[in-house]
Amino acid sequence: MSLVLYGHHLRLLAVMEILLYLVLYDGSSTDYYSPYRADNQLVLSAYGDFVQRVVKDGNYSDMLTVLVLSVLSAVVQKLIQTR
C-alpha cells in the first residue's frame, strides 16, 4: 500500500530512520525519546530486537514504531494513522 500511495516503501524509510538515529530509539542511549524514558510502565524491546521486527512484514508494532511513523508522516507530508 505504501508503494501505491507514496511511490516508495514506508518500511524502508522507517528502517533508515531507526538506523540513522539510533540514539532516539535505543533505550540505553542518553538521548532516548524522553517521554518513553519517563514512563516506567511502558515496556519496549531492546534496540536490536526492535530493528529486526521492523524490517519484516507482519510483525508486532510497539510504541517505538508509532514514534517512527510520526517522523515519517512529516517526511512524506501525509497523515499516517495507526490502529
Protein backbone atom coordinates (compact mmCIF):
# COMPACT_ATOMS: atom_id res chain seq x y z
CA MET A 1 0.00 0.00 0.00
CA SER A 2 2.80 2.44 0.82
CA LEU A 3 4.28 1.96 -2.66
CA VAL A 4 0.93 2.79 -4.27
CA LEU A 5 0.24 5.81 -2.05
CA TYR A 6 3.69 7.36 -1.81
CA GLY A 7 5.82 5.91 -4.63
CA HIS A 8 8.24 4.29 -2.17
CA HIS A 9 8.23 1.90 0.72
CA LEU A 10 7.48 3.39 4.13
CA ARG A 11 9.08 0.36 5.75
CA LEU A 12 12.43 1.18 4.10
CA LEU A 13 12.15 4.79 5.30
CA ALA A 14 11.30 3.55 8.80
CA VAL A 15 14.35 1.28 8.92
CA MET A 16 16.57 4.08 7.65
CA GLU A 17 15.21 6.42 10.35
CA ILE A 18 15.81 3.86 13.08
CA LEU A 19 19.34 3.05 11.94
CA LEU A 20 20.39 6.66 11.32
CA TYR A 21 19.02 7.96 14.63
CA LEU A 22 19.84 5.06 16.93
CA VAL A 23 20.10 7.38 19.95
CA LEU A 24 16.38 8.21 19.74
CA TYR A 25 15.23 4.58 19.64
CA ASP A 26 17.77 2.77 21.82
CA GLY A 27 16.59 2.71 25.43
CA SER A 28 20.17 2.59 26.68
CA SER A 29 21.06 5.89 24.97
CA THR A 30 21.13 9.13 26.95
CA ASP A 31 19.21 10.82 24.08
CA TYR A 32 16.43 8.20 24.08
CA TYR A 33 12.97 9.69 23.49
CA SER A 34 12.33 11.25 26.92
CA PRO A 35 8.54 10.70 27.26
CA TYR A 36 9.16 6.97 26.80
CA ARG A 37 12.05 7.02 29.27
CA ALA A 38 9.85 8.77 31.86
CA ASP A 39 7.03 6.20 31.58
CA ASN A 40 8.07 3.36 33.87
CA GLN A 41 5.03 1.28 32.86
CA LEU A 42 5.97 1.27 29.17
CA VAL A 43 7.92 -1.89 28.34
CA LEU A 44 9.73 -1.77 24.99
CA SER A 45 12.07 -4.19 23.27
CA ALA A 46 15.80 -3.89 23.08
CA TYR A 47 17.06 -1.88 20.09
CA GLY A 48 18.32 -4.91 18.13
CA ASP A 49 15.04 -6.77 18.56
CA PHE A 50 13.12 -3.67 17.53
CA VAL A 51 15.14 -3.30 14.30
CA GLN A 52 14.67 -6.98 13.44
CA ARG A 53 10.90 -6.68 13.87
CA VAL A 54 10.60 -3.51 11.79
CA VAL A 55 12.37 -4.98 8.76
CA LYS A 56 9.93 -7.90 8.48
CA ASP A 57 6.36 -7.61 7.23
CA GLY A 58 3.59 -8.71 9.55
CA ASN A 59 5.48 -8.27 12.82
CA TYR A 60 4.15 -6.74 16.01
CA SER A 61 4.50 -2.97 16.37
CA ASP A 62 5.05 -1.19 19.65
CA MET A 63 5.21 2.44 20.75
CA LEU A 64 8.66 2.88 19.19
CA THR A 65 7.09 2.10 15.82
CA VAL A 66 4.48 4.78 16.45
CA LEU A 67 7.30 7.25 17.12
CA VAL A 68 8.95 6.31 13.82
CA LEU A 69 5.65 6.72 11.96
CA SER A 70 5.19 10.21 13.36
CA VAL A 71 8.58 11.17 11.90
CA LEU A 72 7.73 9.53 8.56
CA SER A 73 4.42 11.36 8.45
CA ALA A 74 6.32 14.63 8.48
CA VAL A 75 8.79 13.39 5.87
CA VAL A 76 6.18 12.26 3.33
CA GLN A 77 3.82 15.13 4.21
CA LYS A 78 0.92 12.69 4.68
CA LEU A 79 -1.23 11.75 7.64
CA ILE A 80 -0.37 8.26 8.90
CA GLN A 81 -2.82 6.61 11.25
CA THR A 82 -2.02 3.62 13.42
CA ARG A 83 -4.61 1.20 14.72
